[in-house]
PDB file of N, CA and C in Angstrom:
ATOM      1  N   MET A   1      27.367 114.843  94.007  1.00  0.00           N
ATOM      2  CA  MET A   1      26.412 114.881  95.104  1.00  0.00           C
ATOM      3  C   MET A   1      26.576 113.665  96.021  1.00  0.00           C
ATOM      4  N   GLU A   2      26.875 112.508  95.414  1.00  0.00           N
ATOM      5  CA  GLU A   2      27.041 111.288  96.200  1.00  0.00           C
ATOM      6  C   GLU A   2      28.239 111.395  97.144  1.00  0.00           C
ATOM      7  N   LYS A   3      29.309 112.030  96.667  1.00  0.00           N
ATOM      8  CA  LYS A   3      30.499 112.190  97.506  1.00  0.00           C
ATOM      9  C   LYS A   3      30.210 113.119  98.683  1.00  0.00           C
ATOM     10  N   ILE A   4      29.434 114.168  98.446  1.00  0.00           N
ATOM     11  CA  ILE A   4      29.063 115.091  99.529  1.00  0.00           C
ATOM     12  C   ILE A   4      28.237 114.354 100.574  1.00  0.00           C
ATOM     13  N   THR A   5      27.272 113.570 100.111  1.00  0.00           N
ATOM     14  CA  THR A   5      26.426 112.807 101.029  1.00  0.00           C
ATOM     15  C   THR A   5      27.260 111.832 101.853  1.00  0.00           C
ATOM     16  N   LYS A   6      28.193 111.158 101.201  1.00  0.00           N
ATOM     17  CA  LYS A   6      29.050 110.204 101.903  1.00  0.00           C
ATOM     18  C   LYS A   6      29.904 110.913 102.951  1.00  0.00           C
ATOM     19  N   ASN A   7      30.454 112.066 102.604  1.00  0.00           N
ATOM     20  CA  ASN A   7      31.270 112.819 103.559  1.00  0.00           C
ATOM     21  C   ASN A   7      30.442 113.317 104.738  1.00  0.00           C
ATOM     22  N   VAL A   8      29.216 113.775 104.473  1.00  0.00           N
ATOM     23  CA  VAL A   8      28.329 114.214 105.554  1.00  0.00           C
ATOM     24  C   VAL A   8      28.013 113.035 106.470  1.00  0.00           C
ATOM     25  N   GLN A   9      27.761 111.870 105.884  1.00  0.00           N
ATOM     26  CA  GLN A   9      27.492 110.678 106.689  1.00  0.00           C
ATOM     27  C   GLN A   9      28.680 110.342 107.587  1.00  0.00           C
ATOM     28  N   LEU A  10      29.872 110.402 107.042  1.00  0.00           N
ATOM     29  CA  LEU A  10      31.058 110.074 107.831  1.00  0.00           C
ATOM     30  C   LEU A  10      31.295 111.100 108.938  1.00  0.00           C
ATOM     31  N   ILE A  11      31.056 112.377 108.643  1.00  0.00           N
ATOM     32  CA  ILE A  11      31.198 113.417 109.673  1.00  0.00           C
ATOM     33  C   ILE A  11      30.196 113.178 110.797  1.00  0.00           C
ATOM     34  N   LEU A  12      28.949 112.904 110.429  1.00  0.00           N
ATOM     35  CA  LEU A  12      27.929 112.628 111.447  1.00  0.00           C
ATOM     36  C   LEU A  12      28.260 111.362 112.232  1.00  0.00           C
ATOM     37  N   LEU A  13      28.819 110.383 111.562  1.00  0.00           N
ATOM     38  CA  LEU A  13      29.217 109.147 112.235  1.00  0.00           C
ATOM     39  C   LEU A  13      30.307 109.416 113.272  1.00  0.00           C
ATOM     40  N   ILE A  14      31.259 110.264 112.912  1.00  0.00           N
ATOM     41  CA  ILE A  14      32.317 110.631 113.856  1.00  0.00           C
ATOM     42  C   ILE A  14      31.734 111.402 115.039  1.00  0.00           C
ATOM     43  N   ILE A  15      30.773 112.291 114.767  1.00  0.00           N
ATOM     44  CA  ILE A  15      30.117 113.038 115.844  1.00  0.00           C
ATOM     45  C   ILE A  15      29.374 112.080 116.779  1.00  0.00           C
ATOM     46  N   ILE A  16      28.663 111.107 116.201  1.00  0.00           N
ATOM     47  CA  ILE A  16      27.951 110.112 117.017  1.00  0.00           C
ATOM     48  C   ILE A  16      28.943 109.307 117.851  1.00  0.00           C
ATOM     49  N   LEU A  17      30.048 108.903 117.240  1.00  0.00           N
ATOM     50  CA  LEU A  17      31.073 108.133 117.950  1.00  0.00           C
ATOM     51  C   LEU A  17      31.640 108.929 119.129  1.00  0.00           C
ATOM     52  N   ILE A  18      32.030 110.170 118.872  1.00  0.00           N
ATOM     53  CA  ILE A  18      32.600 111.006 119.935  1.00  0.00           C
ATOM     54  C   ILE A  18      31.571 111.261 121.030  1.00  0.00           C
ATOM     55  N   SER A  19      30.335 111.558 120.636  1.00  0.00           N
ATOM     56  CA  SER A  19      29.280 111.818 121.623  1.00  0.00           C
ATOM     57  C   SER A  19      29.020 110.598 122.497  1.00  0.00           C
ATOM     58  N   THR A  20      29.023 109.426 121.886  1.00  0.00           N
ATOM     59  CA  THR A  20      28.788 108.198 122.649  1.00  0.00           C
ATOM     60  C   THR A  20      29.936 107.924 123.610  1.00  0.00           C
ATOM     61  N   ILE A  21      31.151 108.130 123.149  1.00  0.00           N
ATOM     62  CA  ILE A  21      32.311 107.925 124.024  1.00  0.00           C
ATOM     63  C   ILE A  21      32.275 108.911 125.195  1.00  0.00           C
ATOM     64  N   ILE A  22      31.902 110.159 124.923  1.00  0.00           N
ATOM     65  CA  ILE A  22      31.771 111.150 126.000  1.00  0.00           C
ATOM     66  C   ILE A  22      30.691 110.718 126.987  1.00  0.00           C
ATOM     67  N   ALA A  23      29.554 110.244 126.465  1.00  0.00           N
ATOM     68  CA  ALA A  23      28.463 109.796 127.342  1.00  0.00           C
ATOM     69  C   ALA A  23      28.901 108.617 128.209  1.00  0.00           C
ATOM     70  N   VAL A  24      29.659 107.691 127.631  1.00  0.00           N
ATOM     71  CA  VAL A  24      30.176 106.554 128.401  1.00  0.00           C
ATOM     72  C   VAL A  24      31.111 107.061 129.498  1.00  0.00           C
ATOM     73  N   GLY A  25      31.978 107.994 129.142  1.00  0.00           N
ATOM     74  CA  GLY A  25      32.893 108.559 130.128  1.00  0.00           C
ATOM     75  C   GLY A  25      32.160 109.250 131.267  1.00  0.00           C
ATOM     76  N   ILE A  26      31.126 110.019 130.932  1.00  0.00           N
ATOM     77  CA  ILE A  26      30.326 110.694 131.960  1.00  0.00           C
ATOM     78  C   ILE A  26      29.643 109.670 132.858  1.00  0.00           C
ATOM     79  N   GLU A  27      29.113 108.618 132.260  1.00  0.00           N
ATOM     80  CA  GLU A  27      28.426 107.579 133.042  1.00  0.00           C
ATOM     81  C   GLU A  27      29.399 106.872 133.988  1.00  0.00           C
ATOM     82  N   ILE A  28      30.579 106.536 133.485  1.00  0.00           N
ATOM     83  CA  ILE A  28      31.578 105.882 134.334  1.00  0.00           C
ATOM     84  C   ILE A  28      32.024 106.830 135.449  1.00  0.00           C
ATOM     85  N   TYR A  29      32.230 108.091 135.122  1.00  0.00           N
ATOM     86  CA  TYR A  29      32.623 109.080 136.125  1.00  0.00           C
ATOM     87  C   TYR A  29      31.548 109.213 137.205  1.00  0.00           C
ATOM     88  N   THR A  30      30.284 109.244 136.784  1.00  0.00           N
ATOM     89  CA  THR A  30      29.178 109.344 137.742  1.00  0.00           C
ATOM     90  C   THR A  30      29.138 108.124 138.657  1.00  0.00           C
ATOM     91  N   MET A  31      29.337 106.939 138.093  1.00  0.00           N
ATOM     92  CA  MET A  31      29.363 105.730 138.924  1.00  0.00           C
ATOM     93  C   MET A  31      30.528 105.780 139.912  1.00  0.00           C
ATOM     94  N   PHE A  32      31.670 106.277 139.447  1.00  0.00           N
ATOM     95  CA  PHE A  32      32.845 106.365 140.309  1.00  0.00           C
ATOM     96  C   PHE A  32      32.618 107.365 141.442  1.00  0.00           C
ATOM     97  N   ILE A  33      32.067 108.524 141.125  1.00  0.00           N
ATOM     98  CA  ILE A  33      31.811 109.558 142.138  1.00  0.00           C
ATOM     99  C   ILE A  33      30.781 109.074 143.158  1.00  0.00           C
ATOM    100  N   ASN A  34      29.715 108.444 142.662  1.00  0.00           N
ATOM    101  CA  ASN A  34      28.663 107.950 143.560  1.00  0.00           C
ATOM    102  C   ASN A  34      29.067 106.681 144.306  1.00  0.00           C
ATOM    103  N   LYS A  35      30.137 106.042 143.843  1.00  0.00           N
ATOM    104  CA  LYS A  35      30.588 104.758 144.406  1.00  0.00           C
ATOM    105  C   LYS A  35      29.436 103.759 144.460  1.00  0.00           C
ATOM    106  N   ASN A  36      28.678 103.763 143.369  1.00  0.00           N
ATOM    107  CA  ASN A  36      27.489 102.917 143.303  1.00  0.00           C
ATOM    108  C   ASN A  36      27.203 102.587 141.843  1.00  0.00           C
ATOM    109  N   VAL A  37      27.008 101.322 141.568  1.00  0.00           N
ATOM    110  CA  VAL A  37      26.635 100.887 140.223  1.00  0.00           C
ATOM    111  C   VAL A  37      25.248 100.273 140.317  1.00  0.00           C
ATOM    112  N   THR A  38      24.308 100.857 139.583  1.00  0.00           N
ATOM    113  CA  THR A  38      22.934 100.364 139.618  1.00  0.00           C
ATOM    114  C   THR A  38      22.615  99.610 138.342  1.00  0.00           C
ATOM    115  N   LEU A  39      21.500  98.929 138.363  1.00  0.00           N
ATOM    116  CA  LEU A  39      21.033  98.234 137.167  1.00  0.00           C
ATOM    117  C   LEU A  39      20.817  99.223 136.027  1.00  0.00           C
ATOM    118  N   ALA A  40      20.308 100.396 136.341  1.00  0.00           N
ATOM    119  CA  ALA A  40      20.097 101.430 135.321  1.00  0.00           C
ATOM    120  C   ALA A  40      21.414 101.810 134.653  1.00  0.00           C
ATOM    121  N   ASP A  41      22.479 101.921 135.445  1.00  0.00           N
ATOM    122  CA  ASP A  41      23.792 102.249 134.891  1.00  0.00           C
ATOM    123  C   ASP A  41      24.269 101.165 133.927  1.00  0.00           C
ATOM    124  N   LEU A  42      24.121  99.927 134.326  1.00  0.00           N
ATOM    125  CA  LEU A  42      24.567  98.816 133.481  1.00  0.00           C
ATOM    126  C   LEU A  42      23.763  98.731 132.190  1.00  0.00           C
ATOM    127  N   LEU A  43      22.459  98.904 132.294  1.00  0.00           N
ATOM    128  CA  LEU A  43      21.622  98.846 131.095  1.00  0.00           C
ATOM    129  C   LEU A  43      21.937  99.996 130.146  1.00  0.00           C
ATOM    130  N   LEU A  44      22.212 101.164 130.704  1.00  0.00           N
ATOM    131  CA  LEU A  44      22.588 102.301 129.868  1.00  0.00           C
ATOM    132  C   LEU A  44      23.920 102.042 129.173  1.00  0.00           C
ATOM    133  N   MET A  45      24.853 101.410 129.875  1.00  0.00           N
ATOM    134  CA  MET A  45      26.141 101.073 129.261  1.00  0.00           C
ATOM    135  C   MET A  45      25.958 100.084 128.106  1.00  0.00           C
ATOM    136  N   PHE A  46      25.015  99.148 128.248  1.00  0.00           N
ATOM    137  CA  PHE A  46      24.724  98.234 127.143  1.00  0.00           C
ATOM    138  C   PHE A  46      24.162  98.984 125.936  1.00  0.00           C
ATOM    139  N   LEU A  47      23.321  99.971 126.182  1.00  0.00           N
ATOM    140  CA  LEU A  47      22.805 100.774 125.072  1.00  0.00           C
ATOM    141  C   LEU A  47      23.941 101.515 124.366  1.00  0.00           C
ATOM    142  N   TYR A  48      24.846 102.088 125.146  1.00  0.00           N
ATOM    143  CA  TYR A  48      26.004 102.764 124.550  1.00  0.00           C
ATOM    144  C   TYR A  48      26.846 101.780 123.748  1.00  0.00           C
ATOM    145  N   LEU A  49      27.016 100.588 124.281  1.00  0.00           N
ATOM    146  CA  LEU A  49      27.782  99.558 123.588  1.00  0.00           C
ATOM    147  C   LEU A  49      27.134  99.202 122.249  1.00  0.00           C
ATOM    148  N   GLU A  50      25.822  99.115 122.228  1.00  0.00           N
ATOM    149  CA  GLU A  50      25.117  98.803 120.985  1.00  0.00           C
ATOM    150  C   GLU A  50      25.240  99.939 119.977  1.00  0.00           C
ATOM    151  N   VAL A  51      25.209 101.170 120.446  1.00  0.00           N
ATOM    152  CA  VAL A  51      25.400 102.308 119.540  1.00  0.00           C
ATOM    153  C   VAL A  51      26.811 102.272 118.959  1.00  0.00           C
ATOM    154  N   LEU A  52      27.799 101.976 119.789  1.00  0.00           N
ATOM    155  CA  LEU A  52      29.172 101.866 119.291  1.00  0.00           C
ATOM    156  C   LEU A  52      29.306 100.734 118.275  1.00  0.00           C
ATOM    157  N   ALA A  53      28.622  99.626 118.516  1.00  0.00           N
ATOM    158  CA  ALA A  53      28.646  98.517 117.554  1.00  0.00           C
ATOM    159  C   ALA A  53      28.014  98.940 116.233  1.00  0.00           C
ATOM    160  N   MET A  54      26.939  99.709 116.311  1.00  0.00           N
ATOM    161  CA  MET A  54      26.281 100.178 115.093  1.00  0.00           C
ATOM    162  C   MET A  54      27.204 101.130 114.322  1.00  0.00           C
ATOM    163  N   VAL A  55      27.927 101.977 115.034  1.00  0.00           N
ATOM    164  CA  VAL A  55      28.887 102.878 114.389  1.00  0.00           C
ATOM    165  C   VAL A  55      29.973 102.065 113.694  1.00  0.00           C
ATOM    166  N   ARG A  56      30.474 101.037 114.375  1.00  0.00           N
ATOM    167  CA  ARG A  56      31.521 100.200 113.781  1.00  0.00           C
ATOM    168  C   ARG A  56      31.035  99.497 112.518  1.00  0.00           C
ATOM    169  N   VAL A  57      29.834  98.958 112.573  1.00  0.00           N
ATOM    170  CA  VAL A  57      29.274  98.263 111.409  1.00  0.00           C
ATOM    171  C   VAL A  57      29.114  99.236 110.247  1.00  0.00           C
ATOM    172  N   PHE A  58      28.600 100.425 110.527  1.00  0.00           N
ATOM    173  CA  PHE A  58      28.428 101.404 109.451  1.00  0.00           C
ATOM    174  C   PHE A  58      29.779 101.824 108.887  1.00  0.00           C
ATOM    175  N   TRP A  59      30.768 101.997 109.754  1.00  0.00           N
ATOM    176  CA  TRP A  59      32.094 102.408 109.296  1.00  0.00           C
ATOM    177  C   TRP A  59      32.708 101.330 108.399  1.00  0.00           C
ATOM    178  N   ASP A  60      32.575 100.067 108.775  1.00  0.00           N
ATOM    179  CA  ASP A  60      33.149  98.969 108.002  1.00  0.00           C
ATOM    180  C   ASP A  60      32.427  98.740 106.684  1.00  0.00           C
ATOM    181  N   GLN A  61      31.093  98.798 106.698  1.00  0.00           N
ATOM    182  CA  GLN A  61      30.307  98.416 105.529  1.00  0.00           C
ATOM    183  C   GLN A  61      29.771  99.596 104.737  1.00  0.00           C
ATOM    184  N   GLN A  62      29.865 100.799 105.274  1.00  0.00           N
ATOM    185  CA  GLN A  62      29.302 102.002 104.671  1.00  0.00           C
ATOM    186  C   GLN A  62      27.796 101.886 104.449  1.00  0.00           C
ATOM    187  N   SER A  63      27.197 100.979 105.160  1.00  0.00           N
ATOM    188  CA  SER A  63      25.737 100.839 105.180  1.00  0.00           C
ATOM    189  C   SER A  63      25.390 100.109 106.470  1.00  0.00           C
ATOM    190  N   ILE A  64      24.114 100.135 106.794  1.00  0.00           N
ATOM    191  CA  ILE A  64      23.703  99.483 108.034  1.00  0.00           C
ATOM    192  C   ILE A  64      22.391  98.751 107.810  1.00  0.00           C
ATOM    193  N   SER A  65      22.309  97.596 108.379  1.00  0.00           N
ATOM    194  CA  SER A  65      21.072  96.827 108.321  1.00  0.00           C
ATOM    195  C   SER A  65      20.048  97.479 109.237  1.00  0.00           C
ATOM    196  N   ILE A  66      18.820  97.509 108.813  1.00  0.00           N
ATOM    197  CA  ILE A  66      17.762  98.118 109.621  1.00  0.00           C
ATOM    198  C   ILE A  66      17.516  97.330 110.899  1.00  0.00           C
ATOM    199  N   THR A  67      17.932  96.070 110.933  1.00  0.00           N
ATOM    200  CA  THR A  67      17.671  95.259 112.125  1.00  0.00           C
ATOM    201  C   THR A  67      18.472  95.723 113.340  1.00  0.00           C
ATOM    202  N   LEU A  68      19.654  96.288 113.128  1.00  0.00           N
ATOM    203  CA  LEU A  68      20.463  96.718 114.269  1.00  0.00           C
ATOM    204  C   LEU A  68      19.795  97.844 115.063  1.00  0.00           C
ATOM    205  N   PRO A  69      19.305  98.913 114.425  1.00  0.00           N
ATOM    206  CA  PRO A  69      18.571  99.921 115.208  1.00  0.00           C
ATOM    207  C   PRO A  69      17.301  99.362 115.850  1.00  0.00           C
ATOM    208  N   LEU A  70      16.670  98.390 115.198  1.00  0.00           N
ATOM    209  CA  LEU A  70      15.478  97.779 115.792  1.00  0.00           C
ATOM    210  C   LEU A  70      15.835  96.992 117.054  1.00  0.00           C
ATOM    211  N   LEU A  71      16.971  96.310 117.029  1.00  0.00           N
ATOM    212  CA  LEU A  71      17.424  95.599 118.228  1.00  0.00           C
ATOM    213  C   LEU A  71      17.750  96.579 119.354  1.00  0.00           C
ATOM    214  N   ILE A  72      18.338  97.705 118.997  1.00  0.00           N
ATOM    215  CA  ILE A  72      18.618  98.730 120.003  1.00  0.00           C
ATOM    216  C   ILE A  72      17.314  99.277 120.573  1.00  0.00           C
ATOM    217  N   ALA A  73      16.306  99.433 119.722  1.00  0.00           N
ATOM    218  CA  ALA A  73      15.003  99.917 120.199  1.00  0.00           C
ATOM    219  C   ALA A  73      14.383  98.934 121.190  1.00  0.00           C
ATOM    220  N   ILE A  74      14.497  97.641 120.900  1.00  0.00           N
ATOM    221  CA  ILE A  74      13.977  96.633 121.836  1.00  0.00           C
ATOM    222  C   ILE A  74      14.711  96.723 123.171  1.00  0.00           C
ATOM    223  N   THR A  75      16.032  96.855 123.107  1.00  0.00           N
ATOM    224  CA  THR A  75      16.812  96.975 124.339  1.00  0.00           C
ATOM    225  C   THR A  75      16.415  98.219 125.125  1.00  0.00           C
ATOM    226  N   ALA A  76      16.215  99.322 124.424  1.00  0.00           N
ATOM    227  CA  ALA A  76      15.832 100.566 125.098  1.00  0.00           C
ATOM    228  C   ALA A  76      14.454 100.442 125.742  1.00  0.00           C
ATOM    229  N   LEU A  77      13.515  99.827 125.032  1.00  0.00           N
ATOM    230  CA  LEU A  77      12.179  99.632 125.612  1.00  0.00           C
ATOM    231  C   LEU A  77      12.225  98.702 126.825  1.00  0.00           C
ATOM    232  N   ALA A  78      13.009  97.641 126.718  1.00  0.00           N
ATOM    233  CA  ALA A  78      13.135  96.725 127.855  1.00  0.00           C
ATOM    234  C   ALA A  78      13.758  97.439 129.047  1.00  0.00           C
ATOM    235  N   ARG A  79      14.752  98.256 128.793  1.00  0.00           N
ATOM    236  CA  ARG A  79      15.374  99.042 129.871  1.00  0.00           C
ATOM    237  C   ARG A  79      14.345  99.967 130.500  1.00  0.00           C
ATOM    238  N   PHE A  80      13.560 100.611 129.672  1.00  0.00           N
ATOM    239  CA  PHE A  80      12.526 101.527 130.163  1.00  0.00           C
ATOM    240  C   PHE A  80      11.533 100.791 131.068  1.00  0.00           C
ATOM    241  N   ILE A  81      11.114  99.599 130.632  1.00  0.00           N
ATOM    242  CA  ILE A  81      10.164  98.807 131.426  1.00  0.00           C
ATOM    243  C   ILE A  81      10.789  98.396 132.757  1.00  0.00           C
ATOM    244  N   ILE A  82      12.028  97.928 132.709  1.00  0.00           N
ATOM    245  CA  ILE A  82      12.697  97.477 133.931  1.00  0.00           C
ATOM    246  C   ILE A  82      12.845  98.618 134.932  1.00  0.00           C
ATOM    247  N   LEU A  83      13.193  99.790 134.438  1.00  0.00           N
ATOM    248  CA  LEU A  83      13.472 100.903 135.343  1.00  0.00           C
ATOM    249  C   LEU A  83      12.217 101.579 135.876  1.00  0.00           C
ATOM    250  N   GLN A  84      11.075 101.355 135.227  1.00  0.00           N
ATOM    251  CA  GLN A  84       9.847 101.979 135.721  1.00  0.00           C
ATOM    252  C   GLN A  84       9.408 101.377 137.046  1.00  0.00           C
ATOM    253  N   GLY A  85       9.669 100.130 137.241  1.00  0.00           N
ATOM    254  CA  GLY A  85       9.355  99.495 138.511  1.00  0.00           C
ATOM    255  C   GLY A  85       7.887  99.178 138.686  1.00  0.00           C
ATOM    256  N   LYS A  86       7.521  98.931 139.934  1.00  0.00           N
ATOM    257  CA  LYS A  86       6.172  98.472 140.256  1.00  0.00           C
ATOM    258  C   LYS A  86       5.137  99.579 140.215  1.00  0.00           C
ATOM    259  N   GLU A  87       5.547 100.830 140.297  1.00  0.00           N
ATOM    260  CA  GLU A  87       4.581 101.918 140.360  1.00  0.00           C
ATOM    261  C   GLU A  87       3.999 102.309 139.001  1.00  0.00           C
ATOM    262  N   MET A  88       4.417 101.651 137.943  1.00  0.00           N
ATOM    263  CA  MET A  88       3.931 102.016 136.613  1.00  0.00           C
ATOM    264  C   MET A  88       2.495 101.543 136.377  1.00  0.00           C
ATOM    265  N   ASP A  89       1.840 102.235 135.478  1.00  0.00           N
ATOM    266  CA  ASP A  89       0.473 101.897 135.095  1.00  0.00           C
ATOM    267  C   ASP A  89       0.488 100.584 134.304  1.00  0.00           C
ATOM    268  N   PRO A  90      -0.330  99.609 134.667  1.00  0.00           N
ATOM    269  CA  PRO A  90      -0.335  98.324 133.952  1.00  0.00           C
ATOM    270  C   PRO A  90      -0.654  98.459 132.462  1.00  0.00           C
ATOM    271  N   SER A  91      -1.520  99.400 132.107  1.00  0.00           N
ATOM    272  CA  SER A  91      -1.841  99.565 130.686  1.00  0.00           C
ATOM    273  C   SER A  91      -0.621 100.063 129.909  1.00  0.00           C
ATOM    274  N   ALA A  92       0.203 100.890 130.532  1.00  0.00           N
ATOM    275  CA  ALA A  92       1.431 101.347 129.875  1.00  0.00           C
ATOM    276  C   ALA A  92       2.376 100.173 129.636  1.00  0.00           C
ATOM    277  N   LEU A  93       2.431  99.267 130.590  1.00  0.00           N
ATOM    278  CA  LEU A  93       3.267  98.079 130.439  1.00  0.00           C
ATOM    279  C   LEU A  93       2.803  97.239 129.256  1.00  0.00           C
ATOM    280  N   VAL A  94       1.493  97.114 129.097  1.00  0.00           N
ATOM    281  CA  VAL A  94       0.948  96.353 127.969  1.00  0.00           C
ATOM    282  C   VAL A  94       1.341  97.018 126.651  1.00  0.00           C
ATOM    283  N   TYR A  95       1.195  98.346 126.565  1.00  0.00           N
ATOM    284  CA  TYR A  95       1.562  99.056 125.335  1.00  0.00           C
ATOM    285  C   TYR A  95       3.046  98.893 125.018  1.00  0.00           C
ATOM    286  N   GLU A  96       3.875  98.989 126.035  1.00  0.00           N
ATOM    287  CA  GLU A  96       5.313  98.845 125.817  1.00  0.00           C
ATOM    288  C   GLU A  96       5.667  97.416 125.406  1.00  0.00           C
ATOM    289  N   ALA A  97       5.010  96.439 125.998  1.00  0.00           N
ATOM    290  CA  ALA A  97       5.250  95.040 125.625  1.00  0.00           C
ATOM    291  C   ALA A  97       4.797  94.777 124.193  1.00  0.00           C
ATOM    292  N   VAL A  98       3.658  95.345 123.815  1.00  0.00           N
ATOM    293  CA  VAL A  98       3.176  95.198 122.436  1.00  0.00           C
ATOM    294  C   VAL A  98       4.166  95.844 121.467  1.00  0.00           C
ATOM    295  N   ALA A  99       4.722  96.979 121.850  1.00  0.00           N
ATOM    296  CA  ALA A  99       5.720  97.631 120.996  1.00  0.00           C
ATOM    297  C   ALA A  99       6.933  96.729 120.795  1.00  0.00           C
ATOM    298  N   ILE A 100       7.372  96.064 121.854  1.00  0.00           N
ATOM    299  CA  ILE A 100       8.507  95.143 121.738  1.00  0.00           C
ATOM    300  C   ILE A 100       8.160  93.975 120.822  1.00  0.00           C
ATOM    301  N   VAL A 101       6.962  93.429 120.965  1.00  0.00           N
ATOM    302  CA  VAL A 101       6.541  92.305 120.115  1.00  0.00           C
ATOM    303  C   VAL A 101       6.458  92.743 118.652  1.00  0.00           C
ATOM    304  N   LEU A 102       5.931  93.939 118.393  1.00  0.00           N
ATOM    305  CA  LEU A 102       5.840  94.433 117.017  1.00  0.00           C
ATOM    306  C   LEU A 102       7.226  94.636 116.404  1.00  0.00           C
ATOM    307  N   ILE A 103       8.141  95.194 117.174  1.00  0.00           N
ATOM    308  CA  ILE A 103       9.499  95.382 116.662  1.00  0.00           C
ATOM    309  C   ILE A 103      10.162  94.028 116.418  1.00  0.00           C
ATOM    310  N   ALA A 104       9.959  93.079 117.328  1.00  0.00           N
ATOM    311  CA  ALA A 104      10.518  91.736 117.143  1.00  0.00           C
ATOM    312  C   ALA A 104       9.934  91.068 115.901  1.00  0.00           C
ATOM    313  N   ALA A 105       8.634  91.241 115.676  1.00  0.00           N
ATOM    314  CA  ALA A 105       7.999  90.684 114.471  1.00  0.00           C
ATOM    315  C   ALA A 105       8.583  91.327 113.218  1.00  0.00           C
ATOM    316  N   ALA A 106       8.832  92.620 113.275  1.00  0.00           N
ATOM    317  CA  ALA A 106       9.441  93.305 112.130  1.00  0.00           C
ATOM    318  C   ALA A 106      10.831  92.750 111.840  1.00  0.00           C
ATOM    319  N   ILE A 107      11.586  92.460 112.878  1.00  0.00           N
ATOM    320  CA  ILE A 107      12.922  91.886 112.688  1.00  0.00           C
ATOM    321  C   ILE A 107      12.822  90.508 112.043  1.00  0.00           C
ATOM    322  N   VAL A 108      11.885  89.693 112.501  1.00  0.00           N
ATOM    323  CA  VAL A 108      11.699  88.356 111.914  1.00  0.00           C
ATOM    324  C   VAL A 108      11.324  88.475 110.441  1.00  0.00           C
ATOM    325  N   ILE A 109      10.398  89.361 110.129  1.00  0.00           N
ATOM    326  CA  ILE A 109       9.979  89.553 108.735  1.00  0.00           C
ATOM    327  C   ILE A 109      11.149  90.018 107.884  1.00  0.00           C
ATOM    328  N   LEU A 110      11.927  90.971 108.386  1.00  0.00           N
ATOM    329  CA  LEU A 110      13.077  91.464 107.631  1.00  0.00           C
ATOM    330  C   LEU A 110      14.116  90.374 107.402  1.00  0.00           C
ATOM    331  N   ARG A 111      14.311  89.521 108.381  1.00  0.00           N
ATOM    332  CA  ARG A 111      15.305  88.447 108.225  1.00  0.00           C
ATOM    333  C   ARG A 111      14.817  87.328 107.309  1.00  0.00           C
ATOM    334  N   LEU A 112      13.513  87.117 107.268  1.00  0.00           N
ATOM    335  CA  LEU A 112      12.975  86.037 106.444  1.00  0.00           C
ATOM    336  C   LEU A 112      12.641  86.470 105.020  1.00  0.00           C
ATOM    337  N   ARG A 113      12.709  87.747 104.718  1.00  0.00           N
ATOM    338  CA  ARG A 113      12.270  88.219 103.398  1.00  0.00           C
ATOM    339  C   ARG A 113      13.101  87.656 102.254  1.00  0.00           C
ATOM    340  N   HIS A 114      14.353  87.321 102.501  1.00  0.00           N
ATOM    341  CA  HIS A 114      15.194  86.731 101.459  1.00  0.00           C
ATOM    342  C   HIS A 114      15.407  85.235 101.685  1.00  0.00           C
ATOM    343  N   SER A 115      14.575  84.654 102.497  1.00  0.00           N
ATOM    344  CA  SER A 115      14.739  83.257 102.870  1.00  0.00           C
ATOM    345  C   SER A 115      13.845  82.363 102.018  1.00  0.00           C
ATOM    346  N   ASP A 116      14.284  81.141 101.825  1.00  0.00           N
ATOM    347  CA  ASP A 116      13.461  80.151 101.128  1.00  0.00           C
ATOM    348  C   ASP A 116      12.334  79.642 102.019  1.00  0.00           C
ATOM    349  N   LYS A 117      12.405  79.899 103.314  1.00  0.00           N
ATOM    350  CA  LYS A 117      11.412  79.387 104.254  1.00  0.00           C
ATOM    351  C   LYS A 117      10.018  79.933 103.977  1.00  0.00           C
ATOM    352  N   LEU A 118       9.926  81.130 103.438  1.00  0.00           N
ATOM    353  CA  LEU A 118       8.616  81.706 103.136  1.00  0.00           C
ATOM    354  C   LEU A 118       8.113  81.304 101.756  1.00  0.00           C
ATOM    355  N   GLY A 119       8.975  80.741 100.948  1.00  0.00           N
ATOM    356  CA  GLY A 119       8.568  80.337  99.617  1.00  0.00           C
ATOM    357  C   GLY A 119       8.456  81.491  98.639  1.00  0.00           C
ATOM    358  N   LEU A 120       9.021  82.632  98.959  1.00  0.00           N
ATOM    359  CA  LEU A 120       8.910  83.793  98.083  1.00  0.00           C
ATOM    360  C   LEU A 120       9.738  83.629  96.817  1.00  0.00           C
ATOM    361  N   LYS A 121      10.893  83.004  96.922  1.00  0.00           N
ATOM    362  CA  LYS A 121      11.746  82.843  95.752  1.00  0.00           C
ATOM    363  C   LYS A 121      11.116  81.892  94.741  1.00  0.00           C
ATOM    364  N   SER A 122      10.482  80.829  95.219  1.00  0.00           N
ATOM    365  CA  SER A 122       9.880  79.872  94.298  1.00  0.00           C
ATOM    366  C   SER A 122       8.673  80.473  93.592  1.00  0.00           C
ATOM    367  N   LYS A 123       7.931  81.342  94.255  1.00  0.00           N
ATOM    368  CA  LYS A 123       6.787  81.984  93.617  1.00  0.00           C
ATOM    369  C   LYS A 123       7.242  82.912  92.505  1.00  0.00           C
ATOM    370  N   LYS A 124       8.338  83.617  92.714  1.00  0.00           N
ATOM    371  CA  LYS A 124       8.844  84.514  91.683  1.00  0.00           C
ATOM    372  C   LYS A 124       9.329  83.727  90.474  1.00  0.00           C
ATOM    373  N   GLY A 125       9.883  82.554  90.708  1.00  0.00           N
ATOM    374  CA  GLY A 125      10.393  81.742  89.616  1.00  0.00           C
ATOM    375  C   GLY A 125       9.297  81.162  88.743  1.00  0.00           C
ATOM    376  N   ARG A 126       8.079  80.987  89.256  1.00  0.00           N
ATOM    377  CA  ARG A 126       6.978  80.399  88.498  1.00  0.00           C
ATOM    378  C   ARG A 126       6.335  81.392  87.549  1.00  0.00           C
ATOM    379  N   ARG A 127       6.506  82.655  87.768  1.00  0.00           N
ATOM    380  CA  ARG A 127       5.814  83.670  86.951  1.00  0.00           C
ATOM    381  C   ARG A 127       6.359  83.779  85.579  1.00  0.00           C
TER     382      ARG A 127
END
C-alpha cells in the first residue's frame, strides 16, 4: 500500500509540475502578446516560482515542510491585497491582514517547536 501511495504522489507531483510549467508559458505568452508586463503578472510569476520550488523540494526529500505552503499562502494573500487596489472594502483589508499575521504566527510556532528558545526540551527532560 505504501508503494502505491508513493507512486500516486509522484504522478500527482508530475501533473502539478507540468501544469505549473504550462501556466508559466501561458502567462509569458500573454505578456508577449499584450506587450505589457504588469505588477499582477510579476506577482503571479513569483507564485508559480514558489510552486515549482515546492515541487523540487518534495521531489528531492519525498516530503515537504508545512511552512513552504504557508509561505506561499502569505504571498498569495499579499498579491490579492496589492491587486485589489484602493476600491476595496477596508474591513476586508483588515481580515486579509489578520489572515497573514495568523499564518506568519503559525510559521513562527512551527519553526520554534523544536527549538531550545521555548524551553520545551528542558521541560521534557525534567519529567
